[in-house]
């Protein structure tokens, strides 16, 4: 990815915050979605938003969103805009509790939830007859790449290509980075502002699920994940969760075309933790531009727009899938 940030948008934090809040998300009309509710094997549900368009294409693009994301996230809107231009079908499955309604089961979602990714992609495969490509953003990117590594050669039976964007492929490095300094004051506070109330809703559904006092006292993602995310999803503690859920050790096992995009100035993902060519197999392509921030990659004149990354990643996915779309 040959990306250079606009001169008016310097630094990783500005390149993260401005695109998410102020840059244009789409170049065409605002995307309209049709929602489907799918019942999960454990009796819970997830909501899937499908892009409404007159002539959806043969190729389906599935987007797995990031932490506390949704189909309304700036990157999800931008990918919808790209899919519409390319005459692709487009779906955003919401991780549990992220569609605006709390889920039912005594669990939520996590960065290494490859079983959930597998079930979602299998369901997409069952309802879509053409090629499928998938992109995961941040948390969703780690989960998707973790799935691709876990599945090995079998992944290609379900999707033609996958991509991750700004995924914290080394969860411990990312978790430590977001818990320090400016990151803790701004990003950690933003995430916990929605994650804590949702966790308390989960406790109201399932009393004694976790220690409410310890959760209220959590001041960073390490403490939150140790009280809530790790134990609810079968991990011993947060260190066990971050180690076992990280996709980086599994990248060499991927056996279908895969792209991992990470900006070197991402505030959440230290450049020192990014995978090198020696960490991945022949099927994985690494794009690590110097600029872009965390899921930023704004382009154009002020106030800018966020299409550069979806355009580059989307075109890569289409080419990797053999150019079959529309």
C-alpha atoms as a PDB file:
ATOM      1  CA  UNK A   1       0.000   0.000   0.000  1.00  0.00           C
ATOM      2  CA  UNK A   2       1.630   3.180  -1.192  1.00  0.00           C
ATOM      3  CA  UNK A   3       0.050   5.618   1.266  1.00  0.00           C
ATOM      4  CA  UNK A   4       1.204   9.066   2.329  1.00  0.00           C
ATOM      5  CA  UNK A   5      -0.770  11.153   4.804  1.00  0.00           C
ATOM      6  CA  UNK A   6      -1.919  14.648   3.771  1.00  0.00           C
ATOM      7  CA  UNK A   7       0.398  17.413   4.967  1.00  0.00           C
ATOM      8  CA  UNK A   8      -2.448  18.906   6.997  1.00  0.00           C
ATOM      9  CA  UNK A   9      -2.797  15.704   9.041  1.00  0.00           C
ATOM     10  CA  UNK A  10       0.494  14.939  10.825  1.00  0.00           C
ATOM     11  CA  UNK A  11       1.137  12.245  13.426  1.00  0.00           C
ATOM     12  CA  UNK A  12      -0.413   8.927  14.365  1.00  0.00           C
ATOM     13  CA  UNK A  13      -2.961  10.284  16.840  1.00  0.00           C
ATOM     14  CA  UNK A  14      -4.351  12.923  14.492  1.00  0.00           C
ATOM     15  CA  UNK A  15      -4.374  10.369  11.677  1.00  0.00           C
ATOM     16  CA  UNK A  16      -6.460   8.122  13.954  1.00  0.00           C
ATOM     17  CA  UNK A  17      -8.896  10.616  15.493  1.00  0.00           C
ATOM     18  CA  UNK A  18      -9.638  12.959  12.596  1.00  0.00           C
ATOM     19  CA  UNK A  19     -10.712  10.267  10.081  1.00  0.00           C
ATOM     20  CA  UNK A  20     -12.969   8.615  12.651  1.00  0.00           C
ATOM     21  CA  UNK A  21     -14.739  11.850  13.620  1.00  0.00           C
ATOM     22  CA  UNK A  22     -14.512  14.419  10.852  1.00  0.00           C
ATOM     23  CA  UNK A  23     -13.378  13.061   7.480  1.00  0.00           C
ATOM     24  CA  UNK A  24     -15.924  12.061   4.855  1.00  0.00           C
ATOM     25  CA  UNK A  25     -16.832   8.397   5.163  1.00  0.00           C
ATOM     26  CA  UNK A  26     -18.378   7.934   1.723  1.00  0.00           C
ATOM     27  CA  UNK A  27     -18.055   9.574  -1.678  1.00  0.00           C
ATOM     28  CA  UNK A  28     -21.577   8.621  -2.758  1.00  0.00           C
ATOM     29  CA  UNK A  29     -24.957   8.504  -0.986  1.00  0.00           C
ATOM     30  CA  UNK A  30     -24.958   7.194   2.574  1.00  0.00           C
ATOM     31  CA  UNK A  31     -25.263   3.391   2.487  1.00  0.00           C
ATOM     32  CA  UNK A  32     -28.561   1.828   3.500  1.00  0.00           C
ATOM     33  CA  UNK A  33     -28.599  -1.552   5.232  1.00  0.00           C
ATOM     34  CA  UNK A  34     -31.069  -4.392   5.655  1.00  0.00           C
ATOM     35  CA  UNK A  35     -30.722  -6.230   8.966  1.00  0.00           C
ATOM     36  CA  UNK A  36     -30.999  -9.971   9.478  1.00  0.00           C
ATOM     37  CA  UNK A  37     -30.927 -11.709  12.853  1.00  0.00           C
ATOM     38  CA  UNK A  38     -29.184 -15.082  12.929  1.00  0.00           C
ATOM     39  CA  UNK A  39     -29.657 -17.565  15.760  1.00  0.00           C
ATOM     40  CA  UNK A  40     -26.313 -18.937  16.945  1.00  0.00           C
ATOM     41  CA  UNK A  41     -25.680 -22.612  17.762  1.00  0.00           C
ATOM     42  CA  UNK A  42     -25.791 -21.805  21.505  1.00  0.00           C
ATOM     43  CA  UNK A  43     -29.207 -20.154  21.276  1.00  0.00           C
ATOM     44  CA  UNK A  44     -27.961 -16.566  21.197  1.00  0.00           C
ATOM     45  CA  UNK A  45     -28.131 -14.192  18.225  1.00  0.00           C
ATOM     46  CA  UNK A  46     -26.052 -11.939  16.042  1.00  0.00           C
ATOM     47  CA  UNK A  47     -27.303  -9.188  13.732  1.00  0.00           C
ATOM     48  CA  UNK A  48     -25.979  -8.958  10.176  1.00  0.00           C
ATOM     49  CA  UNK A  49     -26.380  -5.771   8.147  1.00  0.00           C
ATOM     50  CA  UNK A  50     -26.532  -6.258   4.367  1.00  0.00           C
ATOM     51  CA  UNK A  51     -25.941  -3.382   1.979  1.00  0.00           C
ATOM     52  CA  UNK A  52     -29.101  -2.560   0.089  1.00  0.00           C
ATOM     53  CA  UNK A  53     -28.517  -2.062  -3.623  1.00  0.00           C
ATOM     54  CA  UNK A  54     -30.479  -2.772  -6.776  1.00  0.00           C
ATOM     55  CA  UNK A  55     -28.018  -5.205  -8.330  1.00  0.00           C
ATOM     56  CA  UNK A  56     -25.736  -6.820  -5.736  1.00  0.00           C
ATOM     57  CA  UNK A  57     -22.787  -8.509  -7.370  1.00  0.00           C
ATOM     58  CA  UNK A  58     -21.561 -12.066  -7.506  1.00  0.00           C
ATOM     59  CA  UNK A  59     -18.722 -11.438  -5.053  1.00  0.00           C
ATOM     60  CA  UNK A  60     -19.605 -10.927  -1.376  1.00  0.00           C
ATOM     61  CA  UNK A  61     -17.396  -8.777   0.858  1.00  0.00           C
ATOM     62  CA  UNK A  62     -17.784  -9.602   4.561  1.00  0.00           C
ATOM     63  CA  UNK A  63     -16.434  -7.080   7.090  1.00  0.00           C
ATOM     64  CA  UNK A  64     -15.606  -7.982  10.698  1.00  0.00           C
ATOM     65  CA  UNK A  65     -15.601  -4.774  12.737  1.00  0.00           C
ATOM     66  CA  UNK A  66     -13.262  -3.671  15.500  1.00  0.00           C
ATOM     67  CA  UNK A  67     -13.665  -3.235  19.256  1.00  0.00           C
ATOM     68  CA  UNK A  68     -17.095  -1.700  19.941  1.00  0.00           C
ATOM     69  CA  UNK A  69     -17.561  -1.148  16.203  1.00  0.00           C
ATOM     70  CA  UNK A  70     -20.605  -1.679  13.985  1.00  0.00           C
ATOM     71  CA  UNK A  71     -21.901  -1.157  10.452  1.00  0.00           C
ATOM     72  CA  UNK A  72     -21.987   2.563  11.309  1.00  0.00           C
ATOM     73  CA  UNK A  73     -18.233   2.784  11.966  1.00  0.00           C
ATOM     74  CA  UNK A  74     -16.398   5.055   9.553  1.00  0.00           C
ATOM     75  CA  UNK A  75     -14.444   2.203   7.982  1.00  0.00           C
ATOM     76  CA  UNK A  76     -17.568   0.035   7.604  1.00  0.00           C
ATOM     77  CA  UNK A  77     -19.320   2.884   5.803  1.00  0.00           C
ATOM     78  CA  UNK A  78     -16.289   3.425   3.564  1.00  0.00           C
ATOM     79  CA  UNK A  79     -16.080  -0.260   2.640  1.00  0.00           C
ATOM     80  CA  UNK A  80     -19.821  -0.178   1.884  1.00  0.00           C
ATOM     81  CA  UNK A  81     -19.196   2.745  -0.454  1.00  0.00           C
ATOM     82  CA  UNK A  82     -16.428   0.773  -2.180  1.00  0.00           C
ATOM     83  CA  UNK A  83     -18.585  -2.364  -2.461  1.00  0.00           C
ATOM     84  CA  UNK A  84     -21.420  -0.390  -4.025  1.00  0.00           C
ATOM     85  CA  UNK A  85     -19.098   1.142  -6.624  1.00  0.00           C
ATOM     86  CA  UNK A  86     -17.677  -2.280  -7.459  1.00  0.00           C
ATOM     87  CA  UNK A  87     -21.136  -3.907  -7.617  1.00  0.00           C
ATOM     88  CA  UNK A  88     -20.295  -6.301  -4.797  1.00  0.00           C
ATOM     89  CA  UNK A  89     -22.614  -7.723  -2.167  1.00  0.00           C
ATOM     90  CA  UNK A  90     -21.574  -6.520   1.292  1.00  0.00           C
ATOM     91  CA  UNK A  91     -22.333  -7.713   4.815  1.00  0.00           C
ATOM     92  CA  UNK A  92     -21.323  -6.540   8.286  1.00  0.00           C
ATOM     93  CA  UNK A  93     -21.926  -9.235  10.930  1.00  0.00           C
ATOM     94  CA  UNK A  94     -21.963  -7.692  14.390  1.00  0.00           C
ATOM     95  CA  UNK A  95     -20.077  -9.358  17.181  1.00  0.00           C
ATOM     96  CA  UNK A  96     -22.339 -10.161  20.103  1.00  0.00           C
ATOM     97  CA  UNK A  97     -23.675  -7.087  21.848  1.00  0.00           C
ATOM     98  CA  UNK A  98     -22.444  -4.641  19.178  1.00  0.00           C
ATOM     99  CA  UNK A  99     -25.603  -4.181  17.095  1.00  0.00           C
ATOM    100  CA  UNK A 100     -27.372  -1.924  19.578  1.00  0.00           C
ATOM    101  CA  UNK A 101     -29.016  -4.714  21.572  1.00  0.00           C
ATOM    102  CA  UNK A 102     -27.353  -6.766  24.272  1.00  0.00           C
ATOM    103  CA  UNK A 103     -26.980 -10.452  23.437  1.00  0.00           C
ATOM    104  CA  UNK A 104     -28.474 -13.240  25.560  1.00  0.00           C
ATOM    105  CA  UNK A 105     -25.724 -15.710  26.443  1.00  0.00           C
ATOM    106  CA  UNK A 106     -23.225 -15.359  29.341  1.00  0.00           C
ATOM    107  CA  UNK A 107     -20.526 -14.243  26.914  1.00  0.00           C
ATOM    108  CA  UNK A 108     -19.666 -11.306  24.645  1.00  0.00           C
ATOM    109  CA  UNK A 109     -16.896 -11.295  22.009  1.00  0.00           C
ATOM    110  CA  UNK A 110     -13.115 -11.289  21.987  1.00  0.00           C
ATOM    111  CA  UNK A 111     -10.078 -10.739  19.772  1.00  0.00           C
ATOM    112  CA  UNK A 112      -9.428 -14.403  19.085  1.00  0.00           C
ATOM    113  CA  UNK A 113     -13.012 -15.521  18.516  1.00  0.00           C
ATOM    114  CA  UNK A 114     -12.182 -17.640  15.474  1.00  0.00           C
ATOM    115  CA  UNK A 115     -15.002 -20.120  16.213  1.00  0.00           C
ATOM    116  CA  UNK A 116     -17.519 -17.282  15.834  1.00  0.00           C
ATOM    117  CA  UNK A 117     -15.796 -16.095  12.648  1.00  0.00           C
ATOM    118  CA  UNK A 118     -15.975 -19.660  11.320  1.00  0.00           C
ATOM    119  CA  UNK A 119     -19.690 -19.974  12.062  1.00  0.00           C
ATOM    120  CA  UNK A 120     -20.441 -16.605  10.444  1.00  0.00           C
ATOM    121  CA  UNK A 121     -18.433 -17.345   7.309  1.00  0.00           C
ATOM    122  CA  UNK A 122     -19.984 -20.817   7.033  1.00  0.00           C
ATOM    123  CA  UNK A 123     -23.433 -19.218   7.198  1.00  0.00           C
ATOM    124  CA  UNK A 124     -22.406 -16.674   4.550  1.00  0.00           C
ATOM    125  CA  UNK A 125     -21.112 -19.518   2.391  1.00  0.00           C
ATOM    126  CA  UNK A 126     -24.465 -21.289   2.741  1.00  0.00           C
ATOM    127  CA  UNK A 127     -26.500 -18.274   1.597  1.00  0.00           C
ATOM    128  CA  UNK A 128     -24.169 -16.843  -1.080  1.00  0.00           C
ATOM    129  CA  UNK A 129     -23.383 -18.721  -4.286  1.00  0.00           C
ATOM    130  CA  UNK A 130     -20.538 -16.575  -5.625  1.00  0.00           C
ATOM    131  CA  UNK A 131     -17.012 -15.861  -4.349  1.00  0.00           C
ATOM    132  CA  UNK A 132     -16.581 -14.488  -0.818  1.00  0.00           C
ATOM    133  CA  UNK A 133     -13.770 -12.258   0.443  1.00  0.00           C
ATOM    134  CA  UNK A 134     -13.422 -11.067   4.031  1.00  0.00           C
ATOM    135  CA  UNK A 135     -11.766  -8.123   5.746  1.00  0.00           C
ATOM    136  CA  UNK A 136     -11.313  -7.641   9.473  1.00  0.00           C
ATOM    137  CA  UNK A 137     -10.564  -4.293  11.083  1.00  0.00           C
ATOM    138  CA  UNK A 138      -8.537  -4.036  14.314  1.00  0.00           C
ATOM    139  CA  UNK A 139      -9.993  -6.657  16.719  1.00  0.00           C
ATOM    140  CA  UNK A 140     -11.952  -8.188  13.844  1.00  0.00           C
ATOM    141  CA  UNK A 141      -8.766  -8.412  11.805  1.00  0.00           C
ATOM    142  CA  UNK A 142      -6.962 -10.376  14.487  1.00  0.00           C
ATOM    143  CA  UNK A 143      -9.934 -12.746  14.844  1.00  0.00           C
ATOM    144  CA  UNK A 144     -10.122 -13.242  11.060  1.00  0.00           C
ATOM    145  CA  UNK A 145      -6.397 -13.938  10.679  1.00  0.00           C
ATOM    146  CA  UNK A 146      -6.528 -16.213  13.723  1.00  0.00           C
ATOM    147  CA  UNK A 147      -9.292 -18.143  11.926  1.00  0.00           C
ATOM    148  CA  UNK A 148      -7.349 -18.320   8.664  1.00  0.00           C
ATOM    149  CA  UNK A 149      -4.294 -19.672  10.477  1.00  0.00           C
ATOM    150  CA  UNK A 150      -6.374 -22.163  12.438  1.00  0.00           C
ATOM    151  CA  UNK A 151      -8.158 -23.470   9.333  1.00  0.00           C
ATOM    152  CA  UNK A 152      -5.108 -23.809   7.107  1.00  0.00           C
ATOM    153  CA  UNK A 153      -6.010 -25.194   3.676  1.00  0.00           C
ATOM    154  CA  UNK A 154      -9.690 -25.618   4.602  1.00  0.00           C
ATOM    155  CA  UNK A 155     -10.198 -21.820   4.737  1.00  0.00           C
ATOM    156  CA  UNK A 156     -10.088 -21.594   0.935  1.00  0.00           C
ATOM    157  CA  UNK A 157     -13.217 -23.734   0.731  1.00  0.00           C
ATOM    158  CA  UNK A 158     -15.162 -20.878   2.332  1.00  0.00           C
ATOM    159  CA  UNK A 159     -13.474 -17.655   1.188  1.00  0.00           C
ATOM    160  CA  UNK A 160     -11.186 -16.688  -1.687  1.00  0.00           C
ATOM    161  CA  UNK A 161      -9.034 -14.176   0.217  1.00  0.00           C
ATOM    162  CA  UNK A 162      -8.813 -12.367   3.566  1.00  0.00           C
ATOM    163  CA  UNK A 163      -7.327  -9.097   4.805  1.00  0.00           C
ATOM    164  CA  UNK A 164      -6.696  -7.504   8.190  1.00  0.00           C
ATOM    165  CA  UNK A 165      -6.463  -3.750   8.713  1.00  0.00           C
ATOM    166  CA  UNK A 166      -4.611  -2.334  11.744  1.00  0.00           C
ATOM    167  CA  UNK A 167      -5.072  -5.586  13.642  1.00  0.00           C
ATOM    168  CA  UNK A 168      -3.202  -5.954  16.953  1.00  0.00           C
ATOM    169  CA  UNK A 169      -1.733  -9.288  15.844  1.00  0.00           C
ATOM    170  CA  UNK A 170       0.318  -9.344  19.051  1.00  0.00           C
ATOM    171  CA  UNK A 171      -2.405  -8.649  21.613  1.00  0.00           C
ATOM    172  CA  UNK A 172      -0.074  -8.211  24.575  1.00  0.00           C
ATOM    173  CA  UNK A 173       1.922  -5.517  22.778  1.00  0.00           C
ATOM    174  CA  UNK A 174      -1.259  -3.740  21.687  1.00  0.00           C
ATOM    175  CA  UNK A 175      -2.894  -4.036  25.088  1.00  0.00           C
ATOM    176  CA  UNK A 176       0.127  -2.576  26.833  1.00  0.00           C
ATOM    177  CA  UNK A 177       0.399   0.285  24.318  1.00  0.00           C
ATOM    178  CA  UNK A 178      -3.216   1.383  24.671  1.00  0.00           C
ATOM    179  CA  UNK A 179      -2.883   1.389  28.468  1.00  0.00           C
ATOM    180  CA  UNK A 180      -0.161   4.051  28.592  1.00  0.00           C
ATOM    181  CA  UNK A 181      -0.060   7.861  28.510  1.00  0.00           C
ATOM    182  CA  UNK A 182      -2.235   9.650  25.959  1.00  0.00           C
ATOM    183  CA  UNK A 183      -3.655   6.349  24.743  1.00  0.00           C
ATOM    184  CA  UNK A 184      -4.976   5.549  28.211  1.00  0.00           C
ATOM    185  CA  UNK A 185      -6.436   9.026  28.691  1.00  0.00           C
ATOM    186  CA  UNK A 186      -8.241   9.090  25.331  1.00  0.00           C
ATOM    187  CA  UNK A 187      -8.706   5.713  23.663  1.00  0.00           C
ATOM    188  CA  UNK A 188      -8.952   3.482  26.737  1.00  0.00           C
ATOM    189  CA  UNK A 189     -11.473   5.830  28.332  1.00  0.00           C
ATOM    190  CA  UNK A 190     -13.533   5.868  25.125  1.00  0.00           C
ATOM    191  CA  UNK A 191     -13.692   2.072  24.931  1.00  0.00           C
ATOM    192  CA  UNK A 192     -14.439   1.545  28.626  1.00  0.00           C
ATOM    193  CA  UNK A 193     -17.239   4.116  28.478  1.00  0.00           C
ATOM    194  CA  UNK A 194     -19.278   1.646  26.406  1.00  0.00           C
ATOM    195  CA  UNK A 195     -17.749  -1.674  27.483  1.00  0.00           C
ATOM    196  CA  UNK A 196     -18.393  -1.281  31.200  1.00  0.00           C
ATOM    197  CA  UNK A 197     -22.143  -0.517  30.914  1.00  0.00           C
ATOM    198  CA  UNK A 198     -22.580  -3.441  28.528  1.00  0.00           C
ATOM    199  CA  UNK A 199     -20.747  -5.721  30.954  1.00  0.00           C
ATOM    200  CA  UNK A 200     -23.065  -4.587  33.752  1.00  0.00           C
ATOM    201  CA  UNK A 201     -26.073  -5.373  31.528  1.00  0.00           C
ATOM    202  CA  UNK A 202     -24.594  -8.843  31.111  1.00  0.00           C
ATOM    203  CA  UNK A 203     -24.298  -9.164  34.891  1.00  0.00           C
ATOM    204  CA  UNK A 204     -27.964  -8.216  35.263  1.00  0.00           C
ATOM    205  CA  UNK A 205     -28.820 -11.054  32.879  1.00  0.00           C
ATOM    206  CA  UNK A 206     -26.511 -13.535  34.589  1.00  0.00           C
ATOM    207  CA  UNK A 207     -25.902 -12.676  38.281  1.00  0.00           C
ATOM    208  CA  UNK A 208     -22.568 -13.740  39.793  1.00  0.00           C
ATOM    209  CA  UNK A 209     -20.971 -13.938  36.335  1.00  0.00           C
ATOM    210  CA  UNK A 210     -18.054 -11.761  37.478  1.00  0.00           C
ATOM    211  CA  UNK A 211     -16.978  -9.391  40.254  1.00  0.00           C
ATOM    212  CA  UNK A 212     -18.899  -6.149  39.701  1.00  0.00           C
ATOM    213  CA  UNK A 213     -16.677  -4.138  42.032  1.00  0.00           C
ATOM    214  CA  UNK A 214     -13.515  -5.266  40.241  1.00  0.00           C
ATOM    215  CA  UNK A 215     -15.031  -4.374  36.882  1.00  0.00           C
ATOM    216  CA  UNK A 216     -16.038  -0.893  38.017  1.00  0.00           C
ATOM    217  CA  UNK A 217     -12.478  -0.383  39.277  1.00  0.00           C
ATOM    218  CA  UNK A 218     -10.878  -1.386  35.946  1.00  0.00           C
ATOM    219  CA  UNK A 219      -8.905   1.539  34.522  1.00  0.00           C
ATOM    220  CA  UNK A 220      -7.439  -0.100  31.421  1.00  0.00           C
ATOM    221  CA  UNK A 221      -8.162  -2.938  29.000  1.00  0.00           C
ATOM    222  CA  UNK A 222      -5.770  -5.263  30.847  1.00  0.00           C
ATOM    223  CA  UNK A 223      -7.862  -5.011  34.006  1.00  0.00           C
ATOM    224  CA  UNK A 224     -11.188  -5.144  32.121  1.00  0.00           C
ATOM    225  CA  UNK A 225     -10.159  -8.212  30.120  1.00  0.00           C
ATOM    226  CA  UNK A 226      -8.893  -9.912  33.271  1.00  0.00           C
ATOM    227  CA  UNK A 227     -12.239  -9.463  35.054  1.00  0.00           C
ATOM    228  CA  UNK A 228     -14.621  -9.877  32.117  1.00  0.00           C
ATOM    229  CA  UNK A 229     -13.356 -10.946  28.692  1.00  0.00           C
ATOM    230  CA  UNK A 230     -10.901 -13.683  29.657  1.00  0.00           C
ATOM    231  CA  UNK A 231     -12.987 -15.674  32.173  1.00  0.00           C
ATOM    232  CA  UNK A 232     -16.225 -15.389  30.184  1.00  0.00           C
ATOM    233  CA  UNK A 233     -14.581 -16.941  27.131  1.00  0.00           C
ATOM    234  CA  UNK A 234     -12.659 -19.795  28.677  1.00  0.00           C
ATOM    235  CA  UNK A 235      -9.272 -18.255  29.340  1.00  0.00           C
ATOM    236  CA  UNK A 236      -7.372 -18.570  32.618  1.00  0.00           C
ATOM    237  CA  UNK A 237      -6.636 -14.847  32.845  1.00  0.00           C
ATOM    238  CA  UNK A 238      -5.829 -11.871  30.625  1.00  0.00           C
ATOM    239  CA  UNK A 239      -2.274 -13.025  29.934  1.00  0.00           C
ATOM    240  CA  UNK A 240      -3.543 -16.428  28.808  1.00  0.00           C
ATOM    241  CA  UNK A 241      -6.187 -14.707  26.653  1.00  0.00           C
ATOM    242  CA  UNK A 242      -3.807 -12.312  24.958  1.00  0.00           C
ATOM    243  CA  UNK A 243      -1.274 -15.078  24.312  1.00  0.00           C
ATOM    244  CA  UNK A 244      -3.681 -17.698  22.928  1.00  0.00           C
ATOM    245  CA  UNK A 245      -5.882 -15.277  20.970  1.00  0.00           C
ATOM    246  CA  UNK A 246      -3.055 -13.464  19.142  1.00  0.00           C
ATOM    247  CA  UNK A 247      -2.946 -14.190  15.418  1.00  0.00           C
ATOM    248  CA  UNK A 248       0.762 -13.438  14.910  1.00  0.00           C
ATOM    249  CA  UNK A 249       2.030 -16.933  15.856  1.00  0.00           C
ATOM    250  CA  UNK A 250      -0.493 -18.463  13.417  1.00  0.00           C
ATOM    251  CA  UNK A 251       0.235 -16.361  10.319  1.00  0.00           C
ATOM    252  CA  UNK A 252       2.638 -18.940   8.927  1.00  0.00           C
ATOM    253  CA  UNK A 253      -0.214 -21.457   8.843  1.00  0.00           C
ATOM    254  CA  UNK A 254      -2.390 -19.428   6.474  1.00  0.00           C
ATOM    255  CA  UNK A 255      -2.941 -21.203   3.149  1.00  0.00           C
ATOM    256  CA  UNK A 256      -5.022 -18.732   1.147  1.00  0.00           C
ATOM    257  CA  UNK A 257      -4.272 -15.213  -0.127  1.00  0.00           C
ATOM    258  CA  UNK A 258      -4.065 -12.960   2.938  1.00  0.00           C
ATOM    259  CA  UNK A 259      -3.126  -9.310   3.400  1.00  0.00           C
ATOM    260  CA  UNK A 260      -2.065  -7.709   6.693  1.00  0.00           C
ATOM    261  CA  UNK A 261      -2.096  -3.889   6.677  1.00  0.00           C
ATOM    262  CA  UNK A 262      -0.540  -2.007   9.606  1.00  0.00           C
ATOM    263  CA  UNK A 263       0.590   1.599   9.752  1.00  0.00           C
ATOM    264  CA  UNK A 264       3.930   1.999  11.481  1.00  0.00           C
ATOM    265  CA  UNK A 265       2.611   4.993  13.450  1.00  0.00           C
ATOM    266  CA  UNK A 266      -0.510   3.253  14.768  1.00  0.00           C
ATOM    267  CA  UNK A 267      -0.912   4.401  18.414  1.00  0.00           C
ATOM    268  CA  UNK A 268      -2.508   1.059  19.353  1.00  0.00           C
ATOM    269  CA  UNK A 269      -0.057  -1.285  17.628  1.00  0.00           C
ATOM    270  CA  UNK A 270       3.673  -0.715  18.250  1.00  0.00           C
ATOM    271  CA  UNK A 271       5.742  -0.973  15.071  1.00  0.00           C
ATOM    272  CA  UNK A 272       8.162  -3.231  16.945  1.00  0.00           C
ATOM    273  CA  UNK A 273       5.382  -5.826  17.330  1.00  0.00           C
ATOM    274  CA  UNK A 274       4.484  -6.029  13.631  1.00  0.00           C
ATOM    275  CA  UNK A 275       5.149  -9.287  11.784  1.00  0.00           C
ATOM    276  CA  UNK A 276       8.147  -9.577   9.460  1.00  0.00           C
ATOM    277  CA  UNK A 277       8.466 -11.643   6.323  1.00  0.00           C
ATOM    278  CA  UNK A 278      10.010 -14.416   8.395  1.00  0.00           C
ATOM    279  CA  UNK A 279       6.889 -14.603  10.571  1.00  0.00           C
ATOM    280  CA  UNK A 280       4.508 -15.348   7.700  1.00  0.00           C
ATOM    281  CA  UNK A 281       4.205 -17.878   4.923  1.00  0.00           C
ATOM    282  CA  UNK A 282       4.154 -17.405   1.178  1.00  0.00           C
ATOM    283  CA  UNK A 283       0.404 -16.734   1.168  1.00  0.00           C
ATOM    284  CA  UNK A 284       0.577 -13.625   3.381  1.00  0.00           C
ATOM    285  CA  UNK A 285       1.327 -10.146   2.032  1.00  0.00           C
ATOM    286  CA  UNK A 286       2.453  -7.437   4.469  1.00  0.00           C
ATOM    287  CA  UNK A 287       1.687  -3.760   3.871  1.00  0.00           C
ATOM    288  CA  UNK A 288       3.254  -1.533   6.526  1.00  0.00           C
ATOM    289  CA  UNK A 289       3.167   2.116   5.401  1.00  0.00           C
ATOM    290  CA  UNK A 290       4.842   4.709   7.593  1.00  0.00           C
ATOM    291  CA  UNK A 291       1.645   6.702   8.082  1.00  0.00           C
ATOM    292  CA  UNK A 292      -2.067   6.074   8.541  1.00  0.00           C
ATOM    293  CA  UNK A 293      -2.625   5.865  12.294  1.00  0.00           C
ATOM    294  CA  UNK A 294      -5.172   3.353  13.569  1.00  0.00           C
ATOM    295  CA  UNK A 295      -7.716   2.725  10.795  1.00  0.00           C
ATOM    296  CA  UNK A 296      -7.229   6.263   9.536  1.00  0.00           C
ATOM    297  CA  UNK A 297      -5.547   6.525   6.139  1.00  0.00           C
ATOM    298  CA  UNK A 298      -7.315   9.783   5.260  1.00  0.00           C
ATOM    299  CA  UNK A 299      -6.804  11.240   1.804  1.00  0.00           C
ATOM    300  CA  UNK A 300      -7.678  14.305  -0.230  1.00  0.00           C
ATOM    301  CA  UNK A 301      -8.006  17.947   0.695  1.00  0.00           C
ATOM    302  CA  UNK A 302      -9.271  19.081   4.079  1.00  0.00           C
ATOM    303  CA  UNK A 303     -11.434  17.707   5.682  1.00  0.00           C
ATOM    304  CA  UNK A 304     -10.399  14.597   3.756  1.00  0.00           C
ATOM    305  CA  UNK A 305     -12.081  11.249   3.221  1.00  0.00           C
ATOM    306  CA  UNK A 306     -11.367   7.676   4.345  1.00  0.00           C
ATOM    307  CA  UNK A 307     -11.619   5.833   1.039  1.00  0.00           C
ATOM    308  CA  UNK A 308      -7.863   5.311   0.353  1.00  0.00           C
ATOM    309  CA  UNK A 309      -7.633   2.233   2.577  1.00  0.00           C
ATOM    310  CA  UNK A 310     -10.890   0.511   1.503  1.00  0.00           C
ATOM    311  CA  UNK A 311      -9.984   1.187  -2.138  1.00  0.00           C
ATOM    312  CA  UNK A 312      -6.513  -0.334  -1.798  1.00  0.00           C
ATOM    313  CA  UNK A 313      -7.567  -3.295   0.360  1.00  0.00           C
ATOM    314  CA  UNK A 314     -10.741  -3.942  -1.610  1.00  0.00           C
ATOM    315  CA  UNK A 315      -8.912  -3.985  -4.933  1.00  0.00           C
ATOM    316  CA  UNK A 316      -6.286  -6.333  -3.478  1.00  0.00           C
ATOM    317  CA  UNK A 317      -9.017  -8.708  -2.308  1.00  0.00           C
ATOM    318  CA  UNK A 318     -10.722  -8.657  -5.707  1.00  0.00           C
ATOM    319  CA  UNK A 319      -7.472  -9.366  -7.516  1.00  0.00           C
ATOM    320  CA  UNK A 320      -6.584 -12.129  -5.085  1.00  0.00           C
ATOM    321  CA  UNK A 321      -9.999 -13.658  -5.674  1.00  0.00           C
ATOM    322  CA  UNK A 322      -9.357 -13.640  -9.416  1.00  0.00           C
ATOM    323  CA  UNK A 323     -11.052 -10.364 -10.208  1.00  0.00           C
ATOM    324  CA  UNK A 324     -14.470 -12.010 -10.072  1.00  0.00           C
ATOM    325  CA  UNK A 325     -17.122  -9.499  -9.121  1.00  0.00           C
ATOM    326  CA  UNK A 326     -20.060  -7.559 -10.415  1.00  0.00           C
END
